[in-house]
Amino acid sequence: MDYLKHTLWPLIKVKGVHLWWTIKYGGRKNIPPELIFGQMEKSMKRFSENIEQAFRHLPADLSDHEKGEVINLMGLAKELEEKMKELEPKDKGN
């Protein structure tokens, strides 16, 4: 059951949303970039929040190397959010 929930469901959900957008907007090329970037931004925010929550609830017996990996992931998430914000105004101006 966990395999279906964590492996297949995200794929089915993404493909379903893409199919819905394709039908709604009359083709793949007609899907507004603002919609796609908005969804990506929401996803990045959820990812950042999940990483922060995981860091708060780390076990006390975790090695420094593993803690460093989590901190690196948090930094990467912040970097990706900043890159998304840099890309967004360019698309809105066109």
PDB file of N, CA and C in Angstrom:
ATOM      1  N   MET A   1       0.823  -1.192   0.000  1.00  0.00           N
ATOM      2  CA  MET A   1       0.000   0.000   0.000  1.00  0.00           C
ATOM      3  C   MET A   1       0.873   1.264   0.000  1.00  0.00           C
ATOM      4  N   ASP A   2       1.972   1.253   0.770  1.00  0.00           N
ATOM      5  CA  ASP A   2       2.864   2.408   0.795  1.00  0.00           C
ATOM      6  C   ASP A   2       3.513   2.637  -0.560  1.00  0.00           C
ATOM      7  N   TYR A   3       3.793   1.534  -1.283  1.00  0.00           N
ATOM      8  CA  TYR A   3       4.369   1.668  -2.626  1.00  0.00           C
ATOM      9  C   TYR A   3       3.425   2.455  -3.520  1.00  0.00           C
ATOM     10  N   LEU A   4       2.149   2.102  -3.475  1.00  0.00           N
ATOM     11  CA  LEU A   4       1.166   2.827  -4.291  1.00  0.00           C
ATOM     12  C   LEU A   4       1.060   4.289  -3.873  1.00  0.00           C
ATOM     13  N   LYS A   5       1.052   4.498  -2.572  1.00  0.00           N
ATOM     14  CA  LYS A   5       0.870   5.845  -2.039  1.00  0.00           C
ATOM     15  C   LYS A   5       2.045   6.768  -2.343  1.00  0.00           C
ATOM     16  N   HIS A   6       3.261   6.270  -2.230  1.00  0.00           N
ATOM     17  CA  HIS A   6       4.441   7.121  -2.341  1.00  0.00           C
ATOM     18  C   HIS A   6       5.150   7.052  -3.685  1.00  0.00           C
ATOM     19  N   THR A   7       4.844   6.056  -4.490  1.00  0.00           N
ATOM     20  CA  THR A   7       5.536   5.923  -5.766  1.00  0.00           C
ATOM     21  C   THR A   7       4.611   6.175  -6.945  1.00  0.00           C
ATOM     22  N   LEU A   8       3.482   5.519  -6.956  1.00  0.00           N
ATOM     23  CA  LEU A   8       2.592   5.649  -8.110  1.00  0.00           C
ATOM     24  C   LEU A   8       1.676   6.859  -8.034  1.00  0.00           C
ATOM     25  N   TRP A   9       1.149   7.172  -6.857  1.00  0.00           N
ATOM     26  CA  TRP A   9       0.186   8.261  -6.743  1.00  0.00           C
ATOM     27  C   TRP A   9       0.744   9.612  -7.196  1.00  0.00           C
ATOM     28  N   PRO A  10       1.958  10.014  -6.791  1.00  0.00           N
ATOM     29  CA  PRO A  10       2.474  11.303  -7.277  1.00  0.00           C
ATOM     30  C   PRO A  10       2.569  11.360  -8.799  1.00  0.00           C
ATOM     31  N   LEU A  11       2.983  10.287  -9.430  1.00  0.00           N
ATOM     32  CA  LEU A  11       3.069  10.241 -10.886  1.00  0.00           C
ATOM     33  C   LEU A  11       1.688  10.385 -11.518  1.00  0.00           C
ATOM     34  N   ILE A  12       0.728   9.644 -11.005  1.00  0.00           N
ATOM     35  CA  ILE A  12      -0.636   9.714 -11.532  1.00  0.00           C
ATOM     36  C   ILE A  12      -1.218  11.106 -11.322  1.00  0.00           C
ATOM     37  N   LYS A  13      -0.966  11.692 -10.165  1.00  0.00           N
ATOM     38  CA  LYS A  13      -1.492  13.026  -9.864  1.00  0.00           C
ATOM     39  C   LYS A  13      -0.916  14.073 -10.812  1.00  0.00           C
ATOM     40  N   VAL A  14       0.398  14.052 -11.028  1.00  0.00           N
ATOM     41  CA  VAL A  14       1.039  15.023 -11.915  1.00  0.00           C
ATOM     42  C   VAL A  14       0.541  14.855 -13.346  1.00  0.00           C
ATOM     43  N   LYS A  15       0.477  13.619 -13.822  1.00  0.00           N
ATOM     44  CA  LYS A  15      -0.005  13.369 -15.184  1.00  0.00           C
ATOM     45  C   LYS A  15      -1.468  13.798 -15.335  1.00  0.00           C
ATOM     46  N   GLY A  16      -2.270  13.559 -14.299  1.00  0.00           N
ATOM     47  CA  GLY A  16      -3.678  13.959 -14.337  1.00  0.00           C
ATOM     48  C   GLY A  16      -3.850  15.472 -14.388  1.00  0.00           C
ATOM     49  N   VAL A  17      -3.079  16.191 -13.579  1.00  0.00           N
ATOM     50  CA  VAL A  17      -3.159  17.653 -13.577  1.00  0.00           C
ATOM     51  C   VAL A  17      -2.695  18.201 -14.923  1.00  0.00           C
ATOM     52  N   HIS A  18      -1.639  17.631 -15.468  1.00  0.00           N
ATOM     53  CA  HIS A  18      -1.144  18.075 -16.781  1.00  0.00           C
ATOM     54  C   HIS A  18      -2.192  17.823 -17.858  1.00  0.00           C
ATOM     55  N   LEU A  19      -2.825  16.659 -17.814  1.00  0.00           N
ATOM     56  CA  LEU A  19      -3.881  16.358 -18.788  1.00  0.00           C
ATOM     57  C   LEU A  19      -5.037  17.339 -18.637  1.00  0.00           C
ATOM     58  N   TRP A  20      -5.415  17.652 -17.391  1.00  0.00           N
ATOM     59  CA  TRP A  20      -6.502  18.600 -17.149  1.00  0.00           C
ATOM     60  C   TRP A  20      -6.160  19.975 -17.714  1.00  0.00           C
ATOM     61  N   TRP A  21      -4.946  20.449 -17.459  1.00  0.00           N
ATOM     62  CA  TRP A  21      -4.532  21.751 -17.980  1.00  0.00           C
ATOM     63  C   TRP A  21      -4.518  21.743 -19.506  1.00  0.00           C
ATOM     64  N   THR A  22      -4.065  20.637 -20.087  1.00  0.00           N
ATOM     65  CA  THR A  22      -4.010  20.538 -21.547  1.00  0.00           C
ATOM     66  C   THR A  22      -5.411  20.639 -22.138  1.00  0.00           C
ATOM     67  N   ILE A  23      -6.353  19.945 -21.539  1.00  0.00           N
ATOM     68  CA  ILE A  23      -7.738  20.003 -22.019  1.00  0.00           C
ATOM     69  C   ILE A  23      -8.329  21.390 -21.784  1.00  0.00           C
ATOM     70  N   LYS A  24      -8.118  21.937 -20.591  1.00  0.00           N
ATOM     71  CA  LYS A  24      -8.709  23.222 -20.219  1.00  0.00           C
ATOM     72  C   LYS A  24      -8.207  24.362 -21.103  1.00  0.00           C
ATOM     73  N   TYR A  25      -6.905  24.357 -21.414  1.00  0.00           N
ATOM     74  CA  TYR A  25      -6.319  25.465 -22.168  1.00  0.00           C
ATOM     75  C   TYR A  25      -6.143  25.160 -23.652  1.00  0.00           C
ATOM     76  N   GLY A  26      -6.621  24.024 -24.115  1.00  0.00           N
ATOM     77  CA  GLY A  26      -6.627  23.719 -25.539  1.00  0.00           C
ATOM     78  C   GLY A  26      -5.268  23.375 -26.120  1.00  0.00           C
ATOM     79  N   GLY A  27      -4.420  22.725 -25.377  1.00  0.00           N
ATOM     80  CA  GLY A  27      -3.121  22.291 -25.878  1.00  0.00           C
ATOM     81  C   GLY A  27      -2.015  22.581 -24.894  1.00  0.00           C
ATOM     82  N   ARG A  28      -0.924  21.837 -25.050  1.00  0.00           N
ATOM     83  CA  ARG A  28       0.203  21.983 -24.129  1.00  0.00           C
ATOM     84  C   ARG A  28       0.847  23.359 -24.219  1.00  0.00           C
ATOM     85  N   LYS A  29       0.915  23.896 -25.409  1.00  0.00           N
ATOM     86  CA  LYS A  29       1.597  25.183 -25.589  1.00  0.00           C
ATOM     87  C   LYS A  29       0.759  26.363 -25.111  1.00  0.00           C
ATOM     88  N   ASN A  30      -0.502  26.143 -24.831  1.00  0.00           N
ATOM     89  CA  ASN A  30      -1.384  27.226 -24.391  1.00  0.00           C
ATOM     90  C   ASN A  30      -1.487  27.335 -22.872  1.00  0.00           C
ATOM     91  N   ILE A  31      -0.847  26.438 -22.147  1.00  0.00           N
ATOM     92  CA  ILE A  31      -0.876  26.496 -20.679  1.00  0.00           C
ATOM     93  C   ILE A  31      -0.076  27.722 -20.255  1.00  0.00           C
ATOM     94  N   PRO A  32      -0.676  28.635 -19.472  1.00  0.00           N
ATOM     95  CA  PRO A  32       0.030  29.858 -19.078  1.00  0.00           C
ATOM     96  C   PRO A  32       1.257  29.560 -18.210  1.00  0.00           C
ATOM     97  N   PRO A  33       2.388  30.203 -18.518  1.00  0.00           N
ATOM     98  CA  PRO A  33       3.590  29.987 -17.705  1.00  0.00           C
ATOM     99  C   PRO A  33       3.389  30.407 -16.252  1.00  0.00           C
ATOM    100  N   GLU A  34       2.529  31.411 -16.015  1.00  0.00           N
ATOM    101  CA  GLU A  34       2.270  31.856 -14.642  1.00  0.00           C
ATOM    102  C   GLU A  34       1.688  30.719 -13.815  1.00  0.00           C
ATOM    103  N   LEU A  35       0.838  29.913 -14.435  1.00  0.00           N
ATOM    104  CA  LEU A  35       0.229  28.790 -13.747  1.00  0.00           C
ATOM    105  C   LEU A  35       1.287  27.759 -13.360  1.00  0.00           C
ATOM    106  N   ILE A  36       2.155  27.451 -14.288  1.00  0.00           N
ATOM    107  CA  ILE A  36       3.202  26.463 -14.034  1.00  0.00           C
ATOM    108  C   ILE A  36       4.159  26.965 -12.961  1.00  0.00           C
ATOM    109  N   PHE A  37       4.615  28.227 -13.096  1.00  0.00           N
ATOM    110  CA  PHE A  37       5.536  28.771 -12.099  1.00  0.00           C
ATOM    111  C   PHE A  37       4.866  28.907 -10.736  1.00  0.00           C
ATOM    112  N   GLY A  38       3.585  29.218 -10.717  1.00  0.00           N
ATOM    113  CA  GLY A  38       2.860  29.296  -9.449  1.00  0.00           C
ATOM    114  C   GLY A  38       2.832  27.956  -8.735  1.00  0.00           C
ATOM    115  N   GLN A  39       2.574  26.897  -9.494  1.00  0.00           N
ATOM    116  CA  GLN A  39       2.554  25.564  -8.900  1.00  0.00           C
ATOM    117  C   GLN A  39       3.940  25.143  -8.430  1.00  0.00           C
ATOM    118  N   MET A  40       4.961  25.505  -9.227  1.00  0.00           N
ATOM    119  CA  MET A  40       6.327  25.180  -8.813  1.00  0.00           C
ATOM    120  C   MET A  40       6.704  25.936  -7.544  1.00  0.00           C
ATOM    121  N   GLU A  41       6.283  27.181  -7.443  1.00  0.00           N
ATOM    122  CA  GLU A  41       6.585  27.980  -6.251  1.00  0.00           C
ATOM    123  C   GLU A  41       5.920  27.383  -5.011  1.00  0.00           C
ATOM    124  N   LYS A  42       4.655  26.974  -5.148  1.00  0.00           N
ATOM    125  CA  LYS A  42       3.957  26.343  -4.031  1.00  0.00           C
ATOM    126  C   LYS A  42       4.658  25.056  -3.606  1.00  0.00           C
ATOM    127  N   SER A  43       5.091  24.291  -4.589  1.00  0.00           N
ATOM    128  CA  SER A  43       5.775  23.039  -4.305  1.00  0.00           C
ATOM    129  C   SER A  43       7.088  23.288  -3.568  1.00  0.00           C
ATOM    130  N   MET A  44       7.828  24.316  -3.984  1.00  0.00           N
ATOM    131  CA  MET A  44       9.089  24.637  -3.330  1.00  0.00           C
ATOM    132  C   MET A  44       8.854  25.109  -1.895  1.00  0.00           C
ATOM    133  N   LYS A  45       7.797  25.862  -1.663  1.00  0.00           N
ATOM    134  CA  LYS A  45       7.493  26.303  -0.300  1.00  0.00           C
ATOM    135  C   LYS A  45       7.175  25.110   0.593  1.00  0.00           C
ATOM    136  N   ARG A  46       6.368  24.167   0.073  1.00  0.00           N
ATOM    137  CA  ARG A  46       6.046  22.969   0.851  1.00  0.00           C
ATOM    138  C   ARG A  46       7.301  22.159   1.137  1.00  0.00           C
ATOM    139  N   PHE A  47       8.182  22.051   0.136  1.00  0.00           N
ATOM    140  CA  PHE A  47       9.435  21.310   0.316  1.00  0.00           C
ATOM    141  C   PHE A  47      10.279  21.950   1.412  1.00  0.00           C
ATOM    142  N   SER A  48      10.397  23.276   1.379  1.00  0.00           N
ATOM    143  CA  SER A  48      11.181  23.984   2.396  1.00  0.00           C
ATOM    144  C   SER A  48      10.599  23.782   3.791  1.00  0.00           C
ATOM    145  N   GLU A  49       9.287  23.889   3.889  1.00  0.00           N
ATOM    146  CA  GLU A  49       8.640  23.689   5.189  1.00  0.00           C
ATOM    147  C   GLU A  49       8.849  22.264   5.693  1.00  0.00           C
ATOM    148  N   ASN A  50       8.754  21.296   4.801  1.00  0.00           N
ATOM    149  CA  ASN A  50       8.957  19.906   5.209  1.00  0.00           C
ATOM    150  C   ASN A  50      10.391  19.660   5.672  1.00  0.00           C
ATOM    151  N   ILE A  51      11.354  20.239   4.986  1.00  0.00           N
ATOM    152  CA  ILE A  51      12.760  20.081   5.392  1.00  0.00           C
ATOM    153  C   ILE A  51      12.988  20.726   6.761  1.00  0.00           C
ATOM    154  N   GLU A  52      12.402  21.919   6.980  1.00  0.00           N
ATOM    155  CA  GLU A  52      12.556  22.586   8.285  1.00  0.00           C
ATOM    156  C   GLU A  52      11.921  21.768   9.399  1.00  0.00           C
ATOM    157  N   GLN A  53      10.753  21.196   9.135  1.00  0.00           N
ATOM    158  CA  GLN A  53      10.104  20.360  10.144  1.00  0.00           C
ATOM    159  C   GLN A  53      10.934  19.106  10.429  1.00  0.00           C
ATOM    160  N   ALA A  54      11.516  18.535   9.383  1.00  0.00           N
ATOM    161  CA  ALA A  54      12.364  17.354   9.586  1.00  0.00           C
ATOM    162  C   ALA A  54      13.582  17.717  10.427  1.00  0.00           C
ATOM    163  N   PHE A  55      14.136  18.892  10.204  1.00  0.00           N
ATOM    164  CA  PHE A  55      15.306  19.320  10.985  1.00  0.00           C
ATOM    165  C   PHE A  55      14.936  19.520  12.449  1.00  0.00           C
ATOM    166  N   ARG A  56      13.758  20.045  12.694  1.00  0.00           N
ATOM    167  CA  ARG A  56      13.328  20.258  14.084  1.00  0.00           C
ATOM    168  C   ARG A  56      13.142  18.951  14.834  1.00  0.00           C
ATOM    169  N   HIS A  57      12.774  17.902  14.111  1.00  0.00           N
ATOM    170  CA  HIS A  57      12.459  16.636  14.765  1.00  0.00           C
ATOM    171  C   HIS A  57      13.535  15.579  14.553  1.00  0.00           C
ATOM    172  N   LEU A  58      14.765  16.029  14.316  1.00  0.00           N
ATOM    173  CA  LEU A  58      15.861  15.080  14.159  1.00  0.00           C
ATOM    174  C   LEU A  58      16.143  14.383  15.486  1.00  0.00           C
ATOM    175  N   PRO A  59      16.466  13.105  15.431  1.00  0.00           N
ATOM    176  CA  PRO A  59      16.830  12.408  16.667  1.00  0.00           C
ATOM    177  C   PRO A  59      18.134  12.961  17.239  1.00  0.00           C
ATOM    178  N   ALA A  60      18.288  12.866  18.530  1.00  0.00           N
ATOM    179  CA  ALA A  60      19.469  13.407  19.214  1.00  0.00           C
ATOM    180  C   ALA A  60      20.733  12.612  18.892  1.00  0.00           C
ATOM    181  N   ASP A  61      20.585  11.343  18.553  1.00  0.00           N
ATOM    182  CA  ASP A  61      21.754  10.501  18.307  1.00  0.00           C
ATOM    183  C   ASP A  61      22.231  10.523  16.846  1.00  0.00           C
ATOM    184  N   LEU A  62      21.787  11.491  16.085  1.00  0.00           N
ATOM    185  CA  LEU A  62      22.177  11.612  14.680  1.00  0.00           C
ATOM    186  C   LEU A  62      23.605  12.137  14.572  1.00  0.00           C
ATOM    187  N   SER A  63      24.362  11.609  13.625  1.00  0.00           N
ATOM    188  CA  SER A  63      25.757  12.028  13.477  1.00  0.00           C
ATOM    189  C   SER A  63      25.828  13.439  12.887  1.00  0.00           C
ATOM    190  N   ASP A  64      26.972  14.071  13.063  1.00  0.00           N
ATOM    191  CA  ASP A  64      27.176  15.421  12.531  1.00  0.00           C
ATOM    192  C   ASP A  64      27.101  15.433  11.004  1.00  0.00           C
ATOM    193  N   HIS A  65      27.573  14.360  10.377  1.00  0.00           N
ATOM    194  CA  HIS A  65      27.533  14.269   8.913  1.00  0.00           C
ATOM    195  C   HIS A  65      26.083  14.285   8.410  1.00  0.00           C
ATOM    196  N   GLU A  66      25.216  13.517   9.070  1.00  0.00           N
ATOM    197  CA  GLU A  66      23.810  13.467   8.657  1.00  0.00           C
ATOM    198  C   GLU A  66      23.109  14.799   8.913  1.00  0.00           C
ATOM    199  N   LYS A  67      23.442  15.452  10.024  1.00  0.00           N
ATOM    200  CA  LYS A  67      22.876  16.775  10.294  1.00  0.00           C
ATOM    201  C   LYS A  67      23.342  17.774   9.243  1.00  0.00           C
ATOM    202  N   GLY A  68      24.598  17.656   8.829  1.00  0.00           N
ATOM    203  CA  GLY A  68      25.131  18.520   7.787  1.00  0.00           C
ATOM    204  C   GLY A  68      24.406  18.334   6.469  1.00  0.00           C
ATOM    205  N   GLU A  69      24.031  17.089   6.157  1.00  0.00           N
ATOM    206  CA  GLU A  69      23.287  16.831   4.932  1.00  0.00           C
ATOM    207  C   GLU A  69      21.925  17.531   4.955  1.00  0.00           C
ATOM    208  N   VAL A  70      21.254  17.486   6.095  1.00  0.00           N
ATOM    209  CA  VAL A  70      19.949  18.143   6.213  1.00  0.00           C
ATOM    210  C   VAL A  70      20.109  19.656   6.067  1.00  0.00           C
ATOM    211  N   ILE A  71      21.140  20.207   6.675  1.00  0.00           N
ATOM    212  CA  ILE A  71      21.396  21.643   6.570  1.00  0.00           C
ATOM    213  C   ILE A  71      21.706  22.024   5.127  1.00  0.00           C
ATOM    214  N   ASN A  72      22.471  21.184   4.429  1.00  0.00           N
ATOM    215  CA  ASN A  72      22.752  21.435   3.011  1.00  0.00           C
ATOM    216  C   ASN A  72      21.481  21.407   2.182  1.00  0.00           C
ATOM    217  N   LEU A  73      20.575  20.479   2.492  1.00  0.00           N
ATOM    218  CA  LEU A  73      19.296  20.422   1.784  1.00  0.00           C
ATOM    219  C   LEU A  73      18.464  21.682   2.032  1.00  0.00           C
ATOM    220  N   MET A  74      18.507  22.183   3.262  1.00  0.00           N
ATOM    221  CA  MET A  74      17.777  23.411   3.567  1.00  0.00           C
ATOM    222  C   MET A  74      18.340  24.573   2.757  1.00  0.00           C
ATOM    223  N   GLY A  75      19.665  24.654   2.649  1.00  0.00           N
ATOM    224  CA  GLY A  75      20.299  25.701   1.860  1.00  0.00           C
ATOM    225  C   GLY A  75      19.955  25.573   0.389  1.00  0.00           C
ATOM    226  N   LEU A  76      19.926  24.344  -0.114  1.00  0.00           N
ATOM    227  CA  LEU A  76      19.571  24.113  -1.502  1.00  0.00           C
ATOM    228  C   LEU A  76      18.128  24.531  -1.775  1.00  0.00           C
ATOM    229  N   ALA A  77      17.247  24.236  -0.836  1.00  0.00           N
ATOM    230  CA  ALA A  77      15.841  24.626  -0.999  1.00  0.00           C
ATOM    231  C   ALA A  77      15.714  26.150  -1.053  1.00  0.00           C
ATOM    232  N   LYS A  78      16.442  26.843  -0.205  1.00  0.00           N
ATOM    233  CA  LYS A  78      16.402  28.313  -0.226  1.00  0.00           C
ATOM    234  C   LYS A  78      16.954  28.853  -1.539  1.00  0.00           C
ATOM    235  N   GLU A  79      18.036  28.237  -2.033  1.00  0.00           N
ATOM    236  CA  GLU A  79      18.616  28.652  -3.308  1.00  0.00           C
ATOM    237  C   GLU A  79      17.616  28.492  -4.448  1.00  0.00           C
ATOM    238  N   LEU A  80      16.937  27.346  -4.460  1.00  0.00           N
ATOM    239  CA  LEU A  80      15.964  27.090  -5.521  1.00  0.00           C
ATOM    240  C   LEU A  80      14.805  28.083  -5.458  1.00  0.00           C
ATOM    241  N   GLU A  81      14.366  28.419  -4.261  1.00  0.00           N
ATOM    242  CA  GLU A  81      13.305  29.420  -4.122  1.00  0.00           C
ATOM    243  C   GLU A  81      13.748  30.771  -4.672  1.00  0.00           C
ATOM    244  N   GLU A  82      14.979  31.155  -4.373  1.00  0.00           N
ATOM    245  CA  GLU A  82      15.501  32.429  -4.873  1.00  0.00           C
ATOM    246  C   GLU A  82      15.596  32.422  -6.391  1.00  0.00           C
ATOM    247  N   LYS A  83      16.032  31.307  -6.975  1.00  0.00           N
ATOM    248  CA  LYS A  83      16.124  31.196  -8.433  1.00  0.00           C
ATOM    249  C   LYS A  83      14.739  31.299  -9.069  1.00  0.00           C
ATOM    250  N   MET A  84      13.752  30.697  -8.410  1.00  0.00           N
ATOM    251  CA  MET A  84      12.379  30.778  -8.928  1.00  0.00           C
ATOM    252  C   MET A  84      11.893  32.227  -8.911  1.00  0.00           C
ATOM    253  N   LYS A  85      12.222  32.957  -7.851  1.00  0.00           N
ATOM    254  CA  LYS A  85      11.815  34.355  -7.758  1.00  0.00           C
ATOM    255  C   LYS A  85      12.512  35.201  -8.815  1.00  0.00           C
ATOM    256  N   GLU A  86      13.765  34.852  -9.162  1.00  0.00           N
ATOM    257  CA  GLU A  86      14.481  35.567 -10.214  1.00  0.00           C
ATOM    258  C   GLU A  86      13.843  35.339 -11.581  1.00  0.00           C
ATOM    259  N   LEU A  87      13.374  34.140 -11.823  1.00  0.00           N
ATOM    260  CA  LEU A  87      12.777  33.795 -13.109  1.00  0.00           C
ATOM    261  C   LEU A  87      11.388  34.402 -13.281  1.00  0.00           C
ATOM    262  N   GLU A  88      10.644  34.528 -12.213  1.00  0.00           N
ATOM    263  CA  GLU A  88       9.248  34.947 -12.291  1.00  0.00           C
ATOM    264  C   GLU A  88       9.052  36.338 -12.907  1.00  0.00           C
ATOM    265  N   PRO A  89       9.764  37.388 -12.479  1.00  0.00           N
ATOM    266  CA  PRO A  89       9.517  38.706 -13.069  1.00  0.00           C
ATOM    267  C   PRO A  89       9.817  38.775 -14.571  1.00  0.00           C
ATOM    268  N   LYS A  90      10.765  38.007 -15.055  1.00  0.00           N
ATOM    269  CA  LYS A  90      11.084  38.010 -16.480  1.00  0.00           C
ATOM    270  C   LYS A  90       9.897  37.518 -17.287  1.00  0.00           C
ATOM    271  N   ASP A  91       9.208  36.502 -16.784  1.00  0.00           N
ATOM    272  CA  ASP A  91       8.069  35.958 -17.507  1.00  0.00           C
ATOM    273  C   ASP A  91       6.856  36.893 -17.434  1.00  0.00           C
ATOM    274  N   LYS A  92       6.687  37.595 -16.322  1.00  0.00           N
ATOM    275  CA  LYS A  92       5.556  38.500 -16.189  1.00  0.00           C
ATOM    276  C   LYS A  92       5.706  39.715 -17.103  1.00  0.00           C
ATOM    277  N   GLY A  93       6.935  40.124 -17.385  1.00  0.00           N
ATOM    278  CA  GLY A  93       7.181  41.301 -18.203  1.00  0.00           C
ATOM    279  C   GLY A  93       6.910  41.068 -19.675  1.00  0.00           C
ATOM    280  N   ASN A  94       6.948  39.819 -20.123  1.00  0.00           N
ATOM    281  CA  ASN A  94       6.771  39.519 -21.544  1.00  0.00           C
ATOM    282  C   ASN A  94       5.327  39.457 -21.939  1.00  0.00           C
TER     283      ASN A  94
END
